[in-house]
Amino acid sequence: MPEHQEHASGVARAAVEAVENSVSVREARAHLAEHINRAESGTPTVVTRNGAPVAALVPFADFEVLEEAADLMLAREAEAVLARDEPTVTLAELVADLFSGRTPGPA
């Protein structure tokens, strides 16, 4: 698993433990409007299936911040890969390889 995904899943577990409002999928479905109102007012809700977290209702502003942070983290990871000065694959080569079923290789 890539480092950013491992970090993200660890953060998710910590976030679930920090969130006081956790409900089952059935409960979330039955009271969705209430949980959306809570999220809108700043209180996140973690939705679980068989006790495992599967989703979170969070304020949209928080979601946007998380998206921006993820984009920044991926950009930094890409910059680090490029800084290694190893062979790369052009986008055209990648697309051609994807459509041909071949495994893309360095240029």
N, C-alpha and C. Protein backbone atom coordinates (compact mmCIF):
# COMPACT_ATOMS: atom_id res chain seq x y z
N MET A 1 0.85 -1.17 0.00
CA MET A 1 0.00 0.00 0.00
C MET A 1 0.90 1.24 0.00
N PRO A 2 0.61 2.22 -0.89
CA PRO A 2 1.43 3.43 -0.92
C PRO A 2 1.39 4.15 0.42
N GLU A 3 2.49 4.87 0.70
CA GLU A 3 2.62 5.53 2.00
C GLU A 3 1.47 6.48 2.29
N HIS A 4 1.01 7.24 1.27
CA HIS A 4 -0.07 8.19 1.52
C HIS A 4 -1.37 7.48 1.88
N GLN A 5 -1.60 6.27 1.34
CA GLN A 5 -2.81 5.53 1.69
C GLN A 5 -2.71 4.97 3.10
N GLU A 6 -1.52 4.47 3.47
CA GLU A 6 -1.34 3.98 4.83
C GLU A 6 -1.57 5.10 5.82
N HIS A 7 -1.00 6.27 5.53
CA HIS A 7 -1.17 7.43 6.41
C HIS A 7 -2.64 7.81 6.49
N ALA A 8 -3.31 7.82 5.34
CA ALA A 8 -4.72 8.21 5.29
C ALA A 8 -5.57 7.25 6.11
N SER A 9 -5.32 5.94 6.01
CA SER A 9 -6.13 4.99 6.76
C SER A 9 -5.87 5.13 8.25
N GLY A 10 -4.63 5.44 8.63
CA GLY A 10 -4.32 5.68 10.04
C GLY A 10 -5.01 6.92 10.55
N VAL A 11 -5.02 7.96 9.73
CA VAL A 11 -5.72 9.20 10.10
C VAL A 11 -7.21 8.92 10.22
N ALA A 12 -7.75 8.12 9.30
CA ALA A 12 -9.17 7.80 9.34
C ALA A 12 -9.53 7.07 10.63
N ARG A 13 -8.70 6.10 11.02
CA ARG A 13 -8.97 5.38 12.27
C ARG A 13 -8.95 6.33 13.46
N ALA A 14 -7.97 7.22 13.49
CA ALA A 14 -7.87 8.18 14.59
C ALA A 14 -9.07 9.12 14.58
N ALA A 15 -9.51 9.52 13.39
CA ALA A 15 -10.66 10.41 13.28
C ALA A 15 -11.92 9.73 13.79
N VAL A 16 -12.09 8.46 13.46
CA VAL A 16 -13.27 7.71 13.92
C VAL A 16 -13.29 7.67 15.44
N GLU A 17 -12.13 7.42 16.03
CA GLU A 17 -12.06 7.36 17.49
C GLU A 17 -12.36 8.72 18.11
N ALA A 18 -12.00 9.81 17.42
CA ALA A 18 -12.21 11.15 17.95
C ALA A 18 -13.65 11.63 17.77
N VAL A 19 -14.38 11.05 16.80
CA VAL A 19 -15.75 11.47 16.53
C VAL A 19 -16.68 10.77 17.50
N GLU A 20 -17.46 11.57 18.19
CA GLU A 20 -18.37 11.00 19.18
C GLU A 20 -19.64 10.46 18.55
N ASN A 21 -20.03 10.98 17.39
CA ASN A 21 -21.27 10.58 16.75
C ASN A 21 -21.00 9.52 15.69
N SER A 22 -21.26 8.27 16.02
CA SER A 22 -21.06 7.16 15.11
C SER A 22 -22.36 6.37 15.03
N VAL A 23 -22.81 6.10 13.80
CA VAL A 23 -24.08 5.40 13.62
C VAL A 23 -23.93 4.30 12.58
N SER A 24 -24.83 3.33 12.64
CA SER A 24 -24.84 2.27 11.64
C SER A 24 -25.44 2.80 10.34
N VAL A 25 -25.24 2.06 9.26
CA VAL A 25 -25.82 2.43 7.97
C VAL A 25 -27.34 2.53 8.12
N ARG A 26 -27.94 1.58 8.80
CA ARG A 26 -29.40 1.57 8.99
C ARG A 26 -29.86 2.85 9.70
N GLU A 27 -29.15 3.22 10.78
CA GLU A 27 -29.48 4.43 11.53
C GLU A 27 -29.27 5.67 10.65
N ALA A 28 -28.18 5.70 9.91
CA ALA A 28 -27.91 6.85 9.04
C ALA A 28 -29.01 7.00 7.99
N ARG A 29 -29.43 5.89 7.43
CA ARG A 29 -30.49 5.92 6.41
C ARG A 29 -31.80 6.43 7.02
N ALA A 30 -32.12 5.95 8.21
CA ALA A 30 -33.39 6.31 8.84
C ALA A 30 -33.44 7.78 9.26
N HIS A 31 -32.29 8.36 9.57
CA HIS A 31 -32.25 9.74 10.07
C HIS A 31 -31.26 10.59 9.29
N LEU A 32 -31.22 10.39 7.98
CA LEU A 32 -30.22 11.07 7.15
C LEU A 32 -30.28 12.59 7.27
N ALA A 33 -31.47 13.16 7.21
CA ALA A 33 -31.60 14.62 7.29
C ALA A 33 -31.01 15.15 8.59
N GLU A 34 -31.24 14.46 9.68
CA GLU A 34 -30.70 14.86 10.98
C GLU A 34 -29.17 14.84 10.97
N HIS A 35 -28.59 13.81 10.39
CA HIS A 35 -27.13 13.70 10.34
C HIS A 35 -26.53 14.75 9.40
N ILE A 36 -27.24 15.05 8.32
CA ILE A 36 -26.78 16.11 7.41
C ILE A 36 -26.82 17.46 8.13
N ASN A 37 -27.88 17.71 8.88
CA ASN A 37 -27.97 18.96 9.64
C ASN A 37 -26.82 19.07 10.65
N ARG A 38 -26.48 17.96 11.30
CA ARG A 38 -25.35 17.97 12.24
C ARG A 38 -24.06 18.31 11.52
N ALA A 39 -23.84 17.67 10.37
CA ALA A 39 -22.63 17.95 9.60
C ALA A 39 -22.58 19.42 9.20
N GLU A 40 -23.70 19.93 8.75
CA GLU A 40 -23.76 21.33 8.33
C GLU A 40 -23.41 22.27 9.49
N SER A 41 -23.79 21.88 10.70
CA SER A 41 -23.48 22.73 11.87
C SER A 41 -22.11 22.44 12.45
N GLY A 42 -21.34 21.53 11.82
CA GLY A 42 -19.96 21.30 12.25
C GLY A 42 -19.71 20.02 13.02
N THR A 43 -20.73 19.18 13.20
CA THR A 43 -20.56 17.93 13.93
C THR A 43 -20.51 16.76 12.96
N PRO A 44 -19.34 16.13 12.81
CA PRO A 44 -19.25 15.00 11.88
C PRO A 44 -19.94 13.75 12.43
N THR A 45 -20.35 12.89 11.53
CA THR A 45 -20.94 11.60 11.88
C THR A 45 -20.22 10.52 11.09
N VAL A 46 -19.75 9.50 11.78
CA VAL A 46 -19.13 8.36 11.12
C VAL A 46 -20.20 7.29 10.93
N VAL A 47 -20.29 6.76 9.73
CA VAL A 47 -21.26 5.71 9.42
C VAL A 47 -20.50 4.38 9.39
N THR A 48 -21.03 3.40 10.12
CA THR A 48 -20.36 2.10 10.21
C THR A 48 -21.22 1.00 9.61
N ARG A 49 -20.55 -0.04 9.14
CA ARG A 49 -21.22 -1.26 8.68
C ARG A 49 -20.54 -2.40 9.42
N ASN A 50 -21.31 -3.16 10.14
CA ASN A 50 -20.77 -4.26 10.96
C ASN A 50 -19.66 -3.76 11.88
N GLY A 51 -19.84 -2.55 12.41
CA GLY A 51 -18.89 -1.98 13.35
C GLY A 51 -17.66 -1.33 12.73
N ALA A 52 -17.49 -1.44 11.42
CA ALA A 52 -16.32 -0.86 10.75
C ALA A 52 -16.74 0.44 10.05
N PRO A 53 -15.94 1.50 10.16
CA PRO A 53 -16.30 2.76 9.50
C PRO A 53 -16.26 2.62 7.98
N VAL A 54 -17.31 3.12 7.32
CA VAL A 54 -17.37 3.05 5.86
C VAL A 54 -17.58 4.42 5.21
N ALA A 55 -18.03 5.40 5.98
CA ALA A 55 -18.28 6.73 5.43
C ALA A 55 -18.30 7.74 6.57
N ALA A 56 -18.22 9.00 6.18
CA ALA A 56 -18.32 10.08 7.16
C ALA A 56 -19.11 11.22 6.56
N LEU A 57 -20.01 11.75 7.34
CA LEU A 57 -20.73 12.96 6.95
C LEU A 57 -20.03 14.11 7.67
N VAL A 58 -19.42 14.98 6.89
CA VAL A 58 -18.65 16.10 7.45
C VAL A 58 -19.10 17.39 6.80
N PRO A 59 -18.84 18.53 7.45
CA PRO A 59 -19.14 19.80 6.79
C PRO A 59 -18.41 19.87 5.45
N PHE A 60 -19.07 20.45 4.45
CA PHE A 60 -18.48 20.48 3.11
C PHE A 60 -17.16 21.23 3.10
N ALA A 61 -17.02 22.27 3.90
CA ALA A 61 -15.76 23.01 3.97
C ALA A 61 -14.63 22.09 4.43
N ASP A 62 -14.91 21.20 5.38
CA ASP A 62 -13.90 20.24 5.85
C ASP A 62 -13.52 19.29 4.72
N PHE A 63 -14.51 18.85 3.96
CA PHE A 63 -14.25 17.96 2.83
C PHE A 63 -13.34 18.64 1.82
N GLU A 64 -13.62 19.91 1.51
CA GLU A 64 -12.78 20.64 0.56
C GLU A 64 -11.35 20.76 1.04
N VAL A 65 -11.17 21.02 2.34
CA VAL A 65 -9.82 21.11 2.91
C VAL A 65 -9.11 19.77 2.78
N LEU A 66 -9.80 18.68 3.04
CA LEU A 66 -9.21 17.35 2.91
C LEU A 66 -8.82 17.05 1.46
N GLU A 67 -9.67 17.43 0.52
CA GLU A 67 -9.36 17.24 -0.90
C GLU A 67 -8.11 18.01 -1.29
N GLU A 68 -8.02 19.26 -0.85
CA GLU A 68 -6.84 20.08 -1.16
C GLU A 68 -5.58 19.49 -0.55
N ALA A 69 -5.70 19.01 0.69
CA ALA A 69 -4.54 18.40 1.35
C ALA A 69 -4.10 17.14 0.62
N ALA A 70 -5.05 16.34 0.18
CA ALA A 70 -4.71 15.11 -0.56
C ALA A 70 -4.04 15.46 -1.88
N ASP A 71 -4.54 16.48 -2.57
CA ASP A 71 -3.92 16.91 -3.83
C ASP A 71 -2.49 17.38 -3.60
N LEU A 72 -2.28 18.15 -2.54
CA LEU A 72 -0.95 18.64 -2.22
C LEU A 72 0.00 17.49 -1.89
N MET A 73 -0.48 16.53 -1.12
CA MET A 73 0.34 15.38 -0.76
C MET A 73 0.73 14.57 -2.00
N LEU A 74 -0.21 14.35 -2.90
CA LEU A 74 0.08 13.61 -4.13
C LEU A 74 1.05 14.39 -5.02
N ALA A 75 0.90 15.71 -5.07
CA ALA A 75 1.82 16.53 -5.88
C ALA A 75 3.23 16.44 -5.32
N ARG A 76 3.36 16.49 -4.00
CA ARG A 76 4.69 16.37 -3.39
C ARG A 76 5.30 15.00 -3.65
N GLU A 77 4.46 13.97 -3.60
CA GLU A 77 4.94 12.62 -3.89
C GLU A 77 5.41 12.52 -5.34
N ALA A 78 4.67 13.12 -6.26
CA ALA A 78 5.07 13.11 -7.67
C ALA A 78 6.37 13.88 -7.87
N GLU A 79 6.51 15.02 -7.20
CA GLU A 79 7.75 15.79 -7.31
C GLU A 79 8.94 15.00 -6.79
N ALA A 80 8.74 14.25 -5.71
CA ALA A 80 9.83 13.44 -5.15
C ALA A 80 10.25 12.35 -6.13
N VAL A 81 9.28 11.74 -6.80
CA VAL A 81 9.59 10.71 -7.79
C VAL A 81 10.36 11.32 -8.95
N LEU A 82 9.92 12.48 -9.43
CA LEU A 82 10.61 13.14 -10.54
C LEU A 82 12.01 13.59 -10.14
N ALA A 83 12.20 13.98 -8.89
CA ALA A 83 13.50 14.45 -8.42
C ALA A 83 14.54 13.33 -8.41
N ARG A 84 14.09 12.08 -8.40
CA ARG A 84 15.03 10.95 -8.40
C ARG A 84 15.72 10.80 -9.75
N ASP A 85 15.23 11.50 -10.75
CA ASP A 85 15.82 11.49 -12.09
C ASP A 85 15.91 10.08 -12.66
N GLU A 86 14.85 9.31 -12.46
CA GLU A 86 14.76 7.97 -13.02
C GLU A 86 13.99 8.04 -14.33
N PRO A 87 14.06 7.01 -15.15
CA PRO A 87 13.30 7.01 -16.41
C PRO A 87 11.80 7.19 -16.14
N THR A 88 11.14 7.92 -17.01
CA THR A 88 9.71 8.17 -16.86
C THR A 88 8.96 7.70 -18.11
N VAL A 89 7.65 7.76 -18.04
CA VAL A 89 6.78 7.39 -19.15
C VAL A 89 5.96 8.63 -19.51
N THR A 90 5.86 8.94 -20.78
CA THR A 90 5.03 10.07 -21.19
C THR A 90 3.56 9.70 -21.04
N LEU A 91 2.71 10.71 -20.98
CA LEU A 91 1.28 10.45 -20.88
C LEU A 91 0.78 9.68 -22.10
N ALA A 92 1.28 10.04 -23.28
CA ALA A 92 0.87 9.33 -24.50
C ALA A 92 1.25 7.86 -24.43
N GLU A 93 2.46 7.56 -23.93
CA GLU A 93 2.89 6.16 -23.79
C GLU A 93 2.03 5.43 -22.77
N LEU A 94 1.71 6.10 -21.68
CA LEU A 94 0.88 5.49 -20.65
C LEU A 94 -0.50 5.14 -21.20
N VAL A 95 -1.11 6.09 -21.89
CA VAL A 95 -2.44 5.85 -22.47
C VAL A 95 -2.38 4.72 -23.49
N ALA A 96 -1.37 4.74 -24.35
CA ALA A 96 -1.23 3.67 -25.35
C ALA A 96 -1.07 2.32 -24.67
N ASP A 97 -0.26 2.26 -23.63
CA ASP A 97 -0.06 1.00 -22.90
C ASP A 97 -1.34 0.54 -22.23
N LEU A 98 -2.09 1.48 -21.67
CA LEU A 98 -3.35 1.12 -21.00
C LEU A 98 -4.34 0.52 -21.98
N PHE A 99 -4.43 1.11 -23.18
CA PHE A 99 -5.38 0.61 -24.16
C PHE A 99 -4.90 -0.64 -24.87
N SER A 100 -3.61 -0.90 -24.85
CA SER A 100 -3.10 -2.11 -25.49
C SER A 100 -3.07 -3.28 -24.52
N GLY A 101 -3.25 -3.00 -23.23
CA GLY A 101 -3.21 -4.06 -22.23
C GLY A 101 -1.81 -4.38 -21.74
N ARG A 102 -0.80 -3.68 -22.25
CA ARG A 102 0.58 -3.91 -21.81
C ARG A 102 0.81 -3.19 -20.49
N THR A 103 1.84 -3.64 -19.80
CA THR A 103 2.27 -2.96 -18.59
C THR A 103 3.19 -1.82 -18.99
N PRO A 104 2.87 -0.57 -18.56
CA PRO A 104 3.72 0.55 -18.95
C PRO A 104 5.12 0.42 -18.37
N GLY A 105 6.10 0.80 -19.17
CA GLY A 105 7.49 0.76 -18.72
C GLY A 105 8.15 2.10 -18.91
N PRO A 106 9.32 2.29 -18.31
CA PRO A 106 10.00 3.58 -18.43
C PRO A 106 10.45 3.85 -19.86
N ALA A 107 10.54 5.14 -20.17
CA ALA A 107 10.96 5.56 -21.52
C ALA A 107 12.44 5.38 -21.70
